Amino acid sequence: MTTYPNPALASDNITIQYGVESSVEKVEINIIDMNGRLIFTAEEGSKTSGLYNLNVPAGTLSVGSYIYSIEADGARMAKRMEILK
C-alpha cells in the first residue's frame, strides 16, 4: 500500500494504491486525522487478487498529517501521509 504524491499539496489528487494477494470479500479504506477522527472512508467491496487505485481529492482534507488504512477480511495495514498548503 502506498500513496502518491506524499506529501501532497491541497490542489493534488491523492492516489492510494493497494494490492490484495487473494480474493477478499470486503475492502475498506479509511483516512484518520491525528486526533483519531475518521475523515474519509471508501468501501471498495469485494476484490480479486491484483493492484487497485483509489483517488482522493486532497482539497477535501485540511493541511496536516493523516493515517490511512486498508482493512480486508480482518487484516489491517496503516501508513502516514501529509497534506501541505
PDB file of N, CA and C in Angstrom:
ATOM      1  N   MET A   1       0.852  -1.166   0.000  1.00  0.00           N
ATOM      2  CA  MET A   1       0.000   0.000   0.000  1.00  0.00           C
ATOM      3  C   MET A   1       0.896   1.225   0.000  1.00  0.00           C
ATOM      4  N   THR A   2       0.550   2.187  -0.857  1.00  0.00           N
ATOM      5  CA  THR A   2       1.315   3.430  -0.933  1.00  0.00           C
ATOM      6  C   THR A   2       0.407   4.564  -1.400  1.00  0.00           C
ATOM      7  N   THR A   3       0.819   5.801  -1.127  1.00  0.00           N
ATOM      8  CA  THR A   3       0.101   6.961  -1.654  1.00  0.00           C
ATOM      9  C   THR A   3       1.066   7.805  -2.469  1.00  0.00           C
ATOM     10  N   TYR A   4       0.555   8.454  -3.462  1.00  0.00           N
ATOM     11  CA  TYR A   4       1.351   9.422  -4.195  1.00  0.00           C
ATOM     12  C   TYR A   4       0.431  10.511  -4.707  1.00  0.00           C
ATOM     13  N   PRO A   5       0.885  11.754  -4.727  1.00  0.00           N
ATOM     14  CA  PRO A   5       2.141  12.172  -4.110  1.00  0.00           C
ATOM     15  C   PRO A   5       2.025  12.169  -2.585  1.00  0.00           C
ATOM     16  N   ASN A   6       3.129  12.025  -1.920  1.00  0.00           N
ATOM     17  CA  ASN A   6       3.170  12.082  -0.452  1.00  0.00           C
ATOM     18  C   ASN A   6       4.518  12.657  -0.064  1.00  0.00           C
ATOM     19  N   PRO A   7       4.571  13.917   0.379  1.00  0.00           N
ATOM     20  CA  PRO A   7       3.424  14.744   0.751  1.00  0.00           C
ATOM     21  C   PRO A   7       2.687  15.275  -0.480  1.00  0.00           C
ATOM     22  N   ALA A   8       1.427  15.591  -0.268  1.00  0.00           N
ATOM     23  CA  ALA A   8       0.569  16.109  -1.335  1.00  0.00           C
ATOM     24  C   ALA A   8       0.234  17.567  -1.048  1.00  0.00           C
ATOM     25  N   LEU A   9      -0.001  18.312  -2.113  1.00  0.00           N
ATOM     26  CA  LEU A   9      -0.495  19.677  -1.979  1.00  0.00           C
ATOM     27  C   LEU A   9      -2.016  19.644  -1.975  1.00  0.00           C
ATOM     28  N   ALA A  10      -2.641  20.665  -1.404  1.00  0.00           N
ATOM     29  CA  ALA A  10      -4.101  20.710  -1.311  1.00  0.00           C
ATOM     30  C   ALA A  10      -4.763  20.674  -2.690  1.00  0.00           C
ATOM     31  N   SER A  11      -4.032  21.057  -3.738  1.00  0.00           N
ATOM     32  CA  SER A  11      -4.601  21.059  -5.087  1.00  0.00           C
ATOM     33  C   SER A  11      -4.429  19.717  -5.803  1.00  0.00           C
ATOM     34  N   ASP A  12      -3.724  18.781  -5.195  1.00  0.00           N
ATOM     35  CA  ASP A  12      -3.453  17.478  -5.816  1.00  0.00           C
ATOM     36  C   ASP A  12      -4.611  16.502  -5.651  1.00  0.00           C
ATOM     37  N   ASN A  13      -4.605  15.492  -6.469  1.00  0.00           N
ATOM     38  CA  ASN A  13      -5.406  14.296  -6.233  1.00  0.00           C
ATOM     39  C   ASN A  13      -4.466  13.262  -5.654  1.00  0.00           C
ATOM     40  N   ILE A  14      -4.834  12.664  -4.558  1.00  0.00           N
ATOM     41  CA  ILE A  14      -4.017  11.641  -3.922  1.00  0.00           C
ATOM     42  C   ILE A  14      -4.473  10.290  -4.460  1.00  0.00           C
ATOM     43  N   THR A  15      -3.526   9.466  -4.838  1.00  0.00           N
ATOM     44  CA  THR A  15      -3.835   8.111  -5.258  1.00  0.00           C
ATOM     45  C   THR A  15      -3.340   7.157  -4.185  1.00  0.00           C
ATOM     46  N   ILE A  16      -4.257   6.382  -3.644  1.00  0.00           N
ATOM     47  CA  ILE A  16      -3.895   5.315  -2.715  1.00  0.00           C
ATOM     48  C   ILE A  16      -3.881   4.035  -3.530  1.00  0.00           C
ATOM     49  N   GLN A  17      -2.701   3.432  -3.640  1.00  0.00           N
ATOM     50  CA  GLN A  17      -2.573   2.185  -4.389  1.00  0.00           C
ATOM     51  C   GLN A  17      -2.412   1.048  -3.387  1.00  0.00           C
ATOM     52  N   TYR A  18      -3.176   0.003  -3.604  1.00  0.00           N
ATOM     53  CA  TYR A  18      -3.096  -1.148  -2.706  1.00  0.00           C
ATOM     54  C   TYR A  18      -3.221  -2.429  -3.509  1.00  0.00           C
ATOM     55  N   GLY A  19      -2.734  -3.493  -2.942  1.00  0.00           N
ATOM     56  CA  GLY A  19      -2.813  -4.789  -3.599  1.00  0.00           C
ATOM     57  C   GLY A  19      -3.390  -5.823  -2.658  1.00  0.00           C
ATOM     58  N   VAL A  20      -4.061  -6.790  -3.227  1.00  0.00           N
ATOM     59  CA  VAL A  20      -4.551  -7.930  -2.456  1.00  0.00           C
ATOM     60  C   VAL A  20      -3.968  -9.200  -3.075  1.00  0.00           C
ATOM     61  N   GLU A  21      -3.507 -10.101  -2.201  1.00  0.00           N
ATOM     62  CA  GLU A  21      -2.852 -11.321  -2.667  1.00  0.00           C
ATOM     63  C   GLU A  21      -3.828 -12.388  -3.123  1.00  0.00           C
ATOM     64  N   SER A  22      -4.992 -12.415  -2.491  1.00  0.00           N
ATOM     65  CA  SER A  22      -6.018 -13.383  -2.872  1.00  0.00           C
ATOM     66  C   SER A  22      -7.376 -12.697  -2.768  1.00  0.00           C
ATOM     67  N   SER A  23      -8.388 -13.306  -3.291  1.00  0.00           N
ATOM     68  CA  SER A  23      -9.727 -12.706  -3.282  1.00  0.00           C
ATOM     69  C   SER A  23     -10.180 -12.394  -1.860  1.00  0.00           C
ATOM     70  N   VAL A  24     -10.773 -11.221  -1.692  1.00  0.00           N
ATOM     71  CA  VAL A  24     -11.322 -10.807  -0.395  1.00  0.00           C
ATOM     72  C   VAL A  24     -12.762 -10.357  -0.597  1.00  0.00           C
ATOM     73  N   GLU A  25     -13.569 -10.507   0.439  1.00  0.00           N
ATOM     74  CA  GLU A  25     -14.987 -10.153   0.336  1.00  0.00           C
ATOM     75  C   GLU A  25     -15.260  -8.679   0.554  1.00  0.00           C
ATOM     76  N   LYS A  26     -14.415  -8.009   1.356  1.00  0.00           N
ATOM     77  CA  LYS A  26     -14.682  -6.609   1.664  1.00  0.00           C
ATOM     78  C   LYS A  26     -13.371  -5.868   1.876  1.00  0.00           C
ATOM     79  N   VAL A  27     -13.193  -4.776   1.141  1.00  0.00           N
ATOM     80  CA  VAL A  27     -12.041  -3.893   1.321  1.00  0.00           C
ATOM     81  C   VAL A  27     -12.578  -2.531   1.733  1.00  0.00           C
ATOM     82  N   GLU A  28     -12.005  -1.977   2.806  1.00  0.00           N
ATOM     83  CA  GLU A  28     -12.400  -0.651   3.283  1.00  0.00           C
ATOM     84  C   GLU A  28     -11.143   0.176   3.492  1.00  0.00           C
ATOM     85  N   ILE A  29     -11.159   1.408   2.993  1.00  0.00           N
ATOM     86  CA  ILE A  29     -10.035   2.323   3.163  1.00  0.00           C
ATOM     87  C   ILE A  29     -10.514   3.511   3.984  1.00  0.00           C
ATOM     88  N   ASN A  30      -9.756   3.849   5.029  1.00  0.00           N
ATOM     89  CA  ASN A  30     -10.103   4.950   5.919  1.00  0.00           C
ATOM     90  C   ASN A  30      -8.949   5.932   6.011  1.00  0.00           C
ATOM     91  N   ILE A  31      -9.286   7.219   6.162  1.00  0.00           N
ATOM     92  CA  ILE A  31      -8.307   8.255   6.456  1.00  0.00           C
ATOM     93  C   ILE A  31      -8.707   8.859   7.790  1.00  0.00           C
ATOM     94  N   ILE A  32      -7.750   8.890   8.710  1.00  0.00           N
ATOM     95  CA  ILE A  32      -7.998   9.329  10.085  1.00  0.00           C
ATOM     96  C   ILE A  32      -7.043  10.470  10.400  1.00  0.00           C
ATOM     97  N   ASP A  33      -7.559  11.543  11.033  1.00  0.00           N
ATOM     98  CA  ASP A  33      -6.666  12.642  11.396  1.00  0.00           C
ATOM     99  C   ASP A  33      -5.882  12.279  12.656  1.00  0.00           C
ATOM    100  N   MET A  34      -4.958  13.127  13.056  1.00  0.00           N
ATOM    101  CA  MET A  34      -4.086  12.817  14.181  1.00  0.00           C
ATOM    102  C   MET A  34      -4.805  12.902  15.529  1.00  0.00           C
ATOM    103  N   ASN A  35      -6.054  13.354  15.528  1.00  0.00           N
ATOM    104  CA  ASN A  35      -6.874  13.340  16.741  1.00  0.00           C
ATOM    105  C   ASN A  35      -7.747  12.088  16.813  1.00  0.00           C
ATOM    106  N   GLY A  36      -7.605  11.203  15.836  1.00  0.00           N
ATOM    107  CA  GLY A  36      -8.359   9.952  15.840  1.00  0.00           C
ATOM    108  C   GLY A  36      -9.728  10.034  15.189  1.00  0.00           C
ATOM    109  N   ARG A  37     -10.039  11.164  14.560  1.00  0.00           N
ATOM    110  CA  ARG A  37     -11.342  11.317  13.900  1.00  0.00           C
ATOM    111  C   ARG A  37     -11.300  10.717  12.501  1.00  0.00           C
ATOM    112  N   LEU A  38     -12.331   9.978  12.158  1.00  0.00           N
ATOM    113  CA  LEU A  38     -12.465   9.420  10.815  1.00  0.00           C
ATOM    114  C   LEU A  38     -12.849  10.552   9.872  1.00  0.00           C
ATOM    115  N   ILE A  39     -12.016  10.810   8.871  1.00  0.00           N
ATOM    116  CA  ILE A  39     -12.210  11.920   7.950  1.00  0.00           C
ATOM    117  C   ILE A  39     -12.804  11.455   6.625  1.00  0.00           C
ATOM    118  N   PHE A  40     -12.414  10.266   6.190  1.00  0.00           N
ATOM    119  CA  PHE A  40     -12.818   9.760   4.877  1.00  0.00           C
ATOM    120  C   PHE A  40     -12.895   8.242   4.951  1.00  0.00           C
ATOM    121  N   THR A  41     -13.882   7.671   4.293  1.00  0.00           N
ATOM    122  CA  THR A  41     -13.954   6.219   4.193  1.00  0.00           C
ATOM    123  C   THR A  41     -14.433   5.841   2.797  1.00  0.00           C
ATOM    124  N   ALA A  42     -13.915   4.739   2.305  1.00  0.00           N
ATOM    125  CA  ALA A  42     -14.325   4.216   0.998  1.00  0.00           C
ATOM    126  C   ALA A  42     -14.501   2.716   1.130  1.00  0.00           C
ATOM    127  N   GLU A  43     -15.686   2.252   0.814  1.00  0.00           N
ATOM    128  CA  GLU A  43     -15.965   0.819   0.800  1.00  0.00           C
ATOM    129  C   GLU A  43     -15.734   0.340  -0.624  1.00  0.00           C
ATOM    130  N   GLU A  44     -14.701  -0.447  -0.809  1.00  0.00           N
ATOM    131  CA  GLU A  44     -14.326  -0.910  -2.135  1.00  0.00           C
ATOM    132  C   GLU A  44     -15.002  -2.226  -2.512  1.00  0.00           C
ATOM    133  N   GLY A  45     -15.664  -2.875  -1.559  1.00  0.00           N
ATOM    134  CA  GLY A  45     -16.358  -4.124  -1.853  1.00  0.00           C
ATOM    135  C   GLY A  45     -15.401  -5.286  -2.033  1.00  0.00           C
ATOM    136  N   SER A  46     -15.846  -6.307  -2.736  1.00  0.00           N
ATOM    137  CA  SER A  46     -15.007  -7.493  -2.929  1.00  0.00           C
ATOM    138  C   SER A  46     -13.998  -7.244  -4.051  1.00  0.00           C
ATOM    139  N   LYS A  47     -12.826  -7.843  -3.916  1.00  0.00           N
ATOM    140  CA  LYS A  47     -11.748  -7.687  -4.898  1.00  0.00           C
ATOM    141  C   LYS A  47     -11.077  -9.033  -5.127  1.00  0.00           C
ATOM    142  N   THR A  48     -10.659  -9.275  -6.356  1.00  0.00           N
ATOM    143  CA  THR A  48      -9.829 -10.433  -6.664  1.00  0.00           C
ATOM    144  C   THR A  48      -8.369 -10.016  -6.495  1.00  0.00           C
ATOM    145  N   SER A  49      -7.457 -10.947  -6.545  1.00  0.00           N
ATOM    146  CA  SER A  49      -6.048 -10.602  -6.363  1.00  0.00           C
ATOM    147  C   SER A  49      -5.609  -9.620  -7.455  1.00  0.00           C
ATOM    148  N   GLY A  50      -4.770  -8.658  -7.064  1.00  0.00           N
ATOM    149  CA  GLY A  50      -4.290  -7.664  -8.010  1.00  0.00           C
ATOM    150  C   GLY A  50      -4.014  -6.329  -7.344  1.00  0.00           C
ATOM    151  N   LEU A  51      -3.658  -5.336  -8.164  1.00  0.00           N
ATOM    152  CA  LEU A  51      -3.402  -3.973  -7.699  1.00  0.00           C
ATOM    153  C   LEU A  51      -4.592  -3.079  -8.025  1.00  0.00           C
ATOM    154  N   TYR A  52      -4.897  -2.171  -7.112  1.00  0.00           N
ATOM    155  CA  TYR A  52      -6.036  -1.264  -7.272  1.00  0.00           C
ATOM    156  C   TYR A  52      -5.633   0.146  -6.868  1.00  0.00           C
ATOM    157  N   ASN A  53      -6.329   1.148  -7.409  1.00  0.00           N
ATOM    158  CA  ASN A  53      -6.100   2.558  -7.083  1.00  0.00           C
ATOM    159  C   ASN A  53      -7.395   3.193  -6.608  1.00  0.00           C
ATOM    160  N   LEU A  54      -7.273   4.042  -5.601  1.00  0.00           N
ATOM    161  CA  LEU A  54      -8.382   4.863  -5.126  1.00  0.00           C
ATOM    162  C   LEU A  54      -7.907   6.306  -5.166  1.00  0.00           C
ATOM    163  N   ASN A  55      -8.645   7.187  -5.842  1.00  0.00           N
ATOM    164  CA  ASN A  55      -8.296   8.605  -5.919  1.00  0.00           C
ATOM    165  C   ASN A  55      -9.099   9.403  -4.899  1.00  0.00           C
ATOM    166  N   VAL A  56      -8.378  10.252  -4.163  1.00  0.00           N
ATOM    167  CA  VAL A  56      -8.990  11.104  -3.137  1.00  0.00           C
ATOM    168  C   VAL A  56      -8.547  12.536  -3.418  1.00  0.00           C
ATOM    169  N   PRO A  57      -9.477  13.490  -3.634  1.00  0.00           N
ATOM    170  CA  PRO A  57      -9.075  14.890  -3.819  1.00  0.00           C
ATOM    171  C   PRO A  57      -8.479  15.438  -2.523  1.00  0.00           C
ATOM    172  N   ALA A  58      -7.221  15.871  -2.559  1.00  0.00           N
ATOM    173  CA  ALA A  58      -6.559  16.381  -1.352  1.00  0.00           C
ATOM    174  C   ALA A  58      -7.265  17.615  -0.813  1.00  0.00           C
ATOM    175  N   GLY A  59      -7.962  18.355  -1.673  1.00  0.00           N
ATOM    176  CA  GLY A  59      -8.684  19.546  -1.231  1.00  0.00           C
ATOM    177  C   GLY A  59      -9.794  19.244  -0.243  1.00  0.00           C
ATOM    178  N   THR A  60     -10.202  17.976  -0.132  1.00  0.00           N
ATOM    179  CA  THR A  60     -11.218  17.604   0.854  1.00  0.00           C
ATOM    180  C   THR A  60     -10.613  17.425   2.242  1.00  0.00           C
ATOM    181  N   LEU A  61      -9.281  17.475   2.329  1.00  0.00           N
ATOM    182  CA  LEU A  61      -8.575  17.315   3.601  1.00  0.00           C
ATOM    183  C   LEU A  61      -7.894  18.617   3.984  1.00  0.00           C
ATOM    184  N   SER A  62      -7.817  18.904   5.263  1.00  0.00           N
ATOM    185  CA  SER A  62      -7.100  20.081   5.740  1.00  0.00           C
ATOM    186  C   SER A  62      -5.605  19.802   5.724  1.00  0.00           C
ATOM    187  N   VAL A  63      -4.815  20.863   5.774  1.00  0.00           N
ATOM    188  CA  VAL A  63      -3.365  20.716   5.857  1.00  0.00           C
ATOM    189  C   VAL A  63      -3.026  19.977   7.153  1.00  0.00           C
ATOM    190  N   GLY A  64      -2.136  18.978   7.057  1.00  0.00           N
ATOM    191  CA  GLY A  64      -1.725  18.260   8.250  1.00  0.00           C
ATOM    192  C   GLY A  64      -1.329  16.820   7.959  1.00  0.00           C
ATOM    193  N   SER A  65      -1.167  16.060   9.021  1.00  0.00           N
ATOM    194  CA  SER A  65      -0.776  14.655   8.937  1.00  0.00           C
ATOM    195  C   SER A  65      -1.993  13.767   9.129  1.00  0.00           C
ATOM    196  N   TYR A  66      -2.001  12.649   8.426  1.00  0.00           N
ATOM    197  CA  TYR A  66      -3.106  11.702   8.491  1.00  0.00           C
ATOM    198  C   TYR A  66      -2.567  10.276   8.492  1.00  0.00           C
ATOM    199  N   ILE A  67      -3.375   9.388   8.990  1.00  0.00           N
ATOM    200  CA  ILE A  67      -3.110   7.958   8.893  1.00  0.00           C
ATOM    201  C   ILE A  67      -4.149   7.399   7.921  1.00  0.00           C
ATOM    202  N   TYR A  68      -3.682   6.646   6.929  1.00  0.00           N
ATOM    203  CA  TYR A  68      -4.626   5.974   6.047  1.00  0.00           C
ATOM    204  C   TYR A  68      -4.462   4.478   6.263  1.00  0.00           C
ATOM    205  N   SER A  69      -5.574   3.776   6.236  1.00  0.00           N
ATOM    206  CA  SER A  69      -5.524   2.344   6.498  1.00  0.00           C
ATOM    207  C   SER A  69      -6.401   1.593   5.504  1.00  0.00           C
ATOM    208  N   ILE A  70      -6.010   0.365   5.281  1.00  0.00           N
ATOM    209  CA  ILE A  70      -6.806  -0.535   4.463  1.00  0.00           C
ATOM    210  C   ILE A  70      -7.133  -1.741   5.327  1.00  0.00           C
ATOM    211  N   GLU A  71      -8.388  -2.150   5.257  1.00  0.00           N
ATOM    212  CA  GLU A  71      -8.844  -3.312   6.014  1.00  0.00           C
ATOM    213  C   GLU A  71      -9.505  -4.273   5.037  1.00  0.00           C
ATOM    214  N   ALA A  72      -9.060  -5.527   5.069  1.00  0.00           N
ATOM    215  CA  ALA A  72      -9.589  -6.532   4.156  1.00  0.00           C
ATOM    216  C   ALA A  72      -9.674  -7.873   4.885  1.00  0.00           C
ATOM    217  N   ASP A  73     -10.875  -8.400   4.998  1.00  0.00           N
ATOM    218  CA  ASP A  73     -11.106  -9.696   5.647  1.00  0.00           C
ATOM    219  C   ASP A  73     -10.402  -9.819   6.992  1.00  0.00           C
ATOM    220  N   GLY A  74     -10.503  -8.779   7.814  1.00  0.00           N
ATOM    221  CA  GLY A  74      -9.964  -8.817   9.167  1.00  0.00           C
ATOM    222  C   GLY A  74      -8.507  -8.397   9.294  1.00  0.00           C
ATOM    223  N   ALA A  75      -7.780  -8.268   8.196  1.00  0.00           N
ATOM    224  CA  ALA A  75      -6.392  -7.804   8.240  1.00  0.00           C
ATOM    225  C   ALA A  75      -6.367  -6.301   8.013  1.00  0.00           C
ATOM    226  N   ARG A  76      -5.416  -5.617   8.653  1.00  0.00           N
ATOM    227  CA  ARG A  76      -5.335  -4.162   8.517  1.00  0.00           C
ATOM    228  C   ARG A  76      -3.888  -3.728   8.360  1.00  0.00           C
ATOM    229  N   MET A  77      -3.694  -2.705   7.523  1.00  0.00           N
ATOM    230  CA  MET A  77      -2.386  -2.079   7.348  1.00  0.00           C
ATOM    231  C   MET A  77      -2.611  -0.581   7.382  1.00  0.00           C
ATOM    232  N   ALA A  78      -1.692   0.152   8.027  1.00  0.00           N
ATOM    233  CA  ALA A  78      -1.836   1.601   8.124  1.00  0.00           C
ATOM    234  C   ALA A  78      -0.504   2.278   7.844  1.00  0.00           C
ATOM    235  N   LYS A  79      -0.575   3.456   7.232  1.00  0.00           N
ATOM    236  CA  LYS A  79       0.602   4.282   6.951  1.00  0.00           C
ATOM    237  C   LYS A  79       0.228   5.743   7.125  1.00  0.00           C
ATOM    238  N   ARG A  80       1.249   6.596   7.085  1.00  0.00           N
ATOM    239  CA  ARG A  80       1.061   8.028   7.301  1.00  0.00           C
ATOM    240  C   ARG A  80       1.184   8.796   5.992  1.00  0.00           C
ATOM    241  N   MET A  81       0.415   9.877   5.882  1.00  0.00           N
ATOM    242  CA  MET A  81       0.546  10.773   4.728  1.00  0.00           C
ATOM    243  C   MET A  81       0.420  12.206   5.200  1.00  0.00           C
ATOM    244  N   GLU A  82       0.934  13.131   4.382  1.00  0.00           N
ATOM    245  CA  GLU A  82       0.967  14.561   4.708  1.00  0.00           C
ATOM    246  C   GLU A  82       0.271  15.370   3.622  1.00  0.00           C
ATOM    247  N   ILE A  83      -0.475  16.382   4.053  1.00  0.00           N
ATOM    248  CA  ILE A  83      -1.086  17.350   3.140  1.00  0.00           C
ATOM    249  C   ILE A  83      -0.467  18.706   3.442  1.00  0.00           C
ATOM    250  N   LEU A  84       0.100  19.352   2.419  1.00  0.00           N
ATOM    251  CA  LEU A  84       0.727  20.659   2.561  1.00  0.00           C
ATOM    252  C   LEU A  84      -0.108  21.726   1.864  1.00  0.00           C
ATOM    253  N   LYS A  85       0.161  23.000   2.171  1.00  0.00           N
ATOM    254  CA  LYS A  85      -0.547  24.109   1.510  1.00  0.00           C
ATOM    255  C   LYS A  85      -0.231  24.155   0.057  1.00  0.00           C
TER     256      LYS A  85
END
